[in-house]
Amino acid sequence: MPEHLPSPPSWTCTGCGREWPCATKQSQLLAEFGGARAALAVYLGSCLVAATQDLPTMPLPGARLRFLGWLPRARI
């Protein structure tokens, strides 16, 4: 089973070649971090910063959606 890791500087997935985090990695990250949404958001935020440094022409709104937009929202 291939690992779905980021491949900087393109930030594609090593497992499937799609933009990282791909759907498979998103599911894996949710399972790995369990209910620790804040910790997952911090991790993905650091990935977002690194990706924007590697891909300076990537539009920031799209990058935010790609790295953070798929996270489940906290229920109030």
N, C-alpha and C. Protein backbone atom coordinates (compact mmCIF):
# COMPACT_ATOMS: atom_id res chain seq x y z
N MET A 1 0.84 -1.16 0.00
CA MET A 1 0.00 0.00 0.00
C MET A 1 0.90 1.24 0.00
N PRO A 2 0.72 2.13 -0.96
CA PRO A 2 1.62 3.29 -1.03
C PRO A 2 1.36 4.29 0.09
N GLU A 3 2.43 4.95 0.51
CA GLU A 3 2.28 6.01 1.49
C GLU A 3 1.88 7.29 0.76
N HIS A 4 1.04 8.06 1.38
CA HIS A 4 0.55 9.30 0.79
C HIS A 4 1.22 10.48 1.49
N LEU A 5 2.47 10.70 1.11
CA LEU A 5 3.28 11.74 1.73
C LEU A 5 3.44 12.92 0.78
N PRO A 6 3.70 14.12 1.33
CA PRO A 6 3.93 15.26 0.45
C PRO A 6 5.30 15.17 -0.20
N SER A 7 5.39 15.65 -1.42
CA SER A 7 6.66 15.68 -2.14
C SER A 7 6.99 17.12 -2.51
N PRO A 8 7.65 17.85 -1.58
CA PRO A 8 8.05 19.21 -1.91
C PRO A 8 9.12 19.18 -2.99
N PRO A 9 9.29 20.16 -3.82
CA PRO A 9 8.62 21.45 -3.76
C PRO A 9 7.30 21.52 -4.51
N SER A 10 6.87 20.43 -5.16
CA SER A 10 5.62 20.48 -5.93
C SER A 10 4.39 20.25 -5.06
N TRP A 11 4.59 19.64 -3.90
CA TRP A 11 3.52 19.31 -2.96
C TRP A 11 2.46 18.42 -3.60
N THR A 12 2.96 17.43 -4.35
CA THR A 12 2.10 16.37 -4.85
C THR A 12 2.24 15.17 -3.92
N CYS A 13 1.28 14.28 -4.00
CA CYS A 13 1.26 13.10 -3.16
C CYS A 13 2.15 12.02 -3.75
N THR A 14 3.01 11.42 -2.91
CA THR A 14 3.89 10.35 -3.38
C THR A 14 3.14 9.06 -3.68
N GLY A 15 1.93 8.93 -3.13
CA GLY A 15 1.16 7.70 -3.31
C GLY A 15 0.29 7.69 -4.55
N CYS A 16 -0.27 8.86 -4.90
CA CYS A 16 -1.22 8.89 -6.01
C CYS A 16 -0.96 10.00 -7.03
N GLY A 17 -0.05 10.91 -6.72
CA GLY A 17 0.30 11.97 -7.66
C GLY A 17 -0.64 13.17 -7.67
N ARG A 18 -1.66 13.13 -6.82
CA ARG A 18 -2.59 14.26 -6.74
C ARG A 18 -2.02 15.34 -5.83
N GLU A 19 -2.70 16.47 -5.76
CA GLU A 19 -2.29 17.52 -4.83
C GLU A 19 -2.36 16.97 -3.41
N TRP A 20 -1.32 17.27 -2.62
CA TRP A 20 -1.29 16.83 -1.24
C TRP A 20 -1.88 17.92 -0.36
N PRO A 21 -2.70 17.62 0.62
CA PRO A 21 -3.14 16.29 1.03
C PRO A 21 -4.28 15.77 0.16
N CYS A 22 -4.07 14.62 -0.42
CA CYS A 22 -5.09 13.98 -1.24
C CYS A 22 -6.21 13.45 -0.35
N ALA A 23 -7.27 12.98 -0.94
CA ALA A 23 -8.41 12.48 -0.17
C ALA A 23 -8.01 11.33 0.76
N THR A 24 -7.13 10.45 0.28
CA THR A 24 -6.68 9.34 1.11
C THR A 24 -5.93 9.85 2.33
N LYS A 25 -5.02 10.81 2.11
CA LYS A 25 -4.24 11.34 3.23
C LYS A 25 -5.13 12.12 4.19
N GLN A 26 -6.12 12.81 3.68
CA GLN A 26 -7.05 13.52 4.55
C GLN A 26 -7.72 12.54 5.51
N SER A 27 -8.19 11.42 4.99
CA SER A 27 -8.81 10.39 5.84
C SER A 27 -7.81 9.84 6.85
N GLN A 28 -6.59 9.61 6.39
CA GLN A 28 -5.56 9.09 7.29
C GLN A 28 -5.23 10.09 8.39
N LEU A 29 -5.13 11.37 8.03
CA LEU A 29 -4.82 12.39 9.03
C LEU A 29 -5.93 12.52 10.07
N LEU A 30 -7.17 12.46 9.62
CA LEU A 30 -8.28 12.52 10.58
C LEU A 30 -8.20 11.35 11.56
N ALA A 31 -7.86 10.17 11.07
CA ALA A 31 -7.74 9.00 11.95
C ALA A 31 -6.53 9.13 12.87
N GLU A 32 -5.40 9.58 12.33
CA GLU A 32 -4.17 9.71 13.12
C GLU A 32 -4.33 10.73 14.25
N PHE A 33 -4.98 11.84 13.97
CA PHE A 33 -5.11 12.90 14.96
C PHE A 33 -6.36 12.73 15.83
N GLY A 34 -7.23 11.79 15.48
CA GLY A 34 -8.42 11.54 16.27
C GLY A 34 -9.23 12.81 16.45
N GLY A 35 -9.58 13.11 17.67
CA GLY A 35 -10.37 14.30 17.94
C GLY A 35 -9.55 15.55 18.17
N ALA A 36 -8.25 15.49 17.96
CA ALA A 36 -7.38 16.63 18.20
C ALA A 36 -7.35 17.55 16.98
N ARG A 37 -8.49 18.19 16.71
CA ARG A 37 -8.60 19.05 15.52
C ARG A 37 -7.63 20.21 15.55
N ALA A 38 -7.42 20.80 16.73
CA ALA A 38 -6.50 21.94 16.82
C ALA A 38 -5.09 21.51 16.45
N ALA A 39 -4.66 20.37 16.94
CA ALA A 39 -3.31 19.88 16.62
C ALA A 39 -3.18 19.60 15.13
N LEU A 40 -4.21 19.02 14.54
CA LEU A 40 -4.19 18.76 13.11
C LEU A 40 -4.14 20.06 12.33
N ALA A 41 -4.89 21.06 12.76
CA ALA A 41 -4.89 22.37 12.08
C ALA A 41 -3.51 23.03 12.17
N VAL A 42 -2.85 22.91 13.31
CA VAL A 42 -1.50 23.47 13.46
C VAL A 42 -0.53 22.76 12.51
N TYR A 43 -0.61 21.42 12.47
CA TYR A 43 0.26 20.66 11.56
C TYR A 43 0.03 21.08 10.11
N LEU A 44 -1.24 21.13 9.70
CA LEU A 44 -1.55 21.50 8.32
C LEU A 44 -1.20 22.95 8.04
N GLY A 45 -1.32 23.81 9.03
CA GLY A 45 -0.91 25.20 8.87
C GLY A 45 0.58 25.31 8.59
N SER A 46 1.37 24.49 9.25
CA SER A 46 2.81 24.51 8.99
C SER A 46 3.11 23.98 7.59
N CYS A 47 2.34 23.00 7.15
CA CYS A 47 2.49 22.50 5.77
C CYS A 47 2.10 23.58 4.77
N LEU A 48 1.04 24.32 5.08
CA LEU A 48 0.59 25.41 4.22
C LEU A 48 1.69 26.46 4.07
N VAL A 49 2.32 26.84 5.17
CA VAL A 49 3.39 27.84 5.11
C VAL A 49 4.53 27.32 4.24
N ALA A 50 4.94 26.08 4.44
CA ALA A 50 6.03 25.51 3.65
C ALA A 50 5.66 25.45 2.17
N ALA A 51 4.42 25.06 1.88
CA ALA A 51 3.98 24.96 0.48
C ALA A 51 3.95 26.33 -0.19
N THR A 52 3.51 27.37 0.53
CA THR A 52 3.47 28.70 -0.08
C THR A 52 4.87 29.23 -0.33
N GLN A 53 5.85 28.78 0.46
CA GLN A 53 7.24 29.16 0.20
C GLN A 53 7.78 28.43 -1.02
N ASP A 54 7.40 27.16 -1.17
CA ASP A 54 7.84 26.37 -2.33
C ASP A 54 7.10 26.74 -3.61
N LEU A 55 5.86 27.18 -3.48
CA LEU A 55 5.01 27.50 -4.63
C LEU A 55 4.52 28.95 -4.51
N PRO A 56 5.40 29.93 -4.71
CA PRO A 56 5.03 31.32 -4.46
C PRO A 56 3.93 31.85 -5.38
N THR A 57 3.66 31.20 -6.49
CA THR A 57 2.59 31.67 -7.38
C THR A 57 1.24 31.03 -7.07
N MET A 58 1.21 30.12 -6.11
CA MET A 58 -0.06 29.48 -5.75
C MET A 58 -0.95 30.52 -5.06
N PRO A 59 -2.17 30.73 -5.56
CA PRO A 59 -3.06 31.70 -4.91
C PRO A 59 -3.36 31.30 -3.47
N LEU A 60 -3.21 32.25 -2.56
CA LEU A 60 -3.38 31.96 -1.14
C LEU A 60 -4.77 31.43 -0.78
N PRO A 61 -5.87 32.00 -1.34
CA PRO A 61 -7.19 31.44 -0.99
C PRO A 61 -7.32 29.95 -1.37
N GLY A 62 -6.79 29.59 -2.54
CA GLY A 62 -6.83 28.19 -2.96
C GLY A 62 -5.96 27.31 -2.09
N ALA A 63 -4.81 27.83 -1.67
CA ALA A 63 -3.91 27.08 -0.80
C ALA A 63 -4.57 26.84 0.55
N ARG A 64 -5.24 27.85 1.06
CA ARG A 64 -5.93 27.71 2.35
C ARG A 64 -7.01 26.64 2.27
N LEU A 65 -7.78 26.65 1.19
CA LEU A 65 -8.81 25.62 1.01
C LEU A 65 -8.19 24.23 0.89
N ARG A 66 -7.12 24.16 0.14
CA ARG A 66 -6.46 22.87 -0.09
C ARG A 66 -5.94 22.26 1.21
N PHE A 67 -5.32 23.06 2.04
CA PHE A 67 -4.70 22.53 3.25
C PHE A 67 -5.62 22.53 4.46
N LEU A 68 -6.51 23.49 4.56
CA LEU A 68 -7.33 23.61 5.77
C LEU A 68 -8.83 23.54 5.52
N GLY A 69 -9.26 23.80 4.30
CA GLY A 69 -10.69 23.89 4.01
C GLY A 69 -11.47 22.61 4.19
N TRP A 70 -10.82 21.49 4.19
CA TRP A 70 -11.51 20.20 4.31
C TRP A 70 -11.67 19.75 5.76
N LEU A 71 -11.05 20.47 6.70
CA LEU A 71 -11.13 20.07 8.10
C LEU A 71 -12.56 20.17 8.61
N PRO A 72 -12.98 19.21 9.42
CA PRO A 72 -14.33 19.30 10.01
C PRO A 72 -14.41 20.51 10.93
N ARG A 73 -15.54 21.17 10.91
CA ARG A 73 -15.77 22.33 11.77
C ARG A 73 -16.16 21.85 13.17
N ALA A 74 -15.74 22.61 14.18
CA ALA A 74 -16.13 22.30 15.54
C ALA A 74 -17.61 22.57 15.71
N ARG A 75 -18.29 21.72 16.44
CA ARG A 75 -19.73 21.91 16.69
C ARG A 75 -19.90 22.71 17.97
N ILE A 76 -20.75 23.69 17.87
CA ILE A 76 -20.99 24.56 19.04
C ILE A 76 -22.33 24.21 19.64
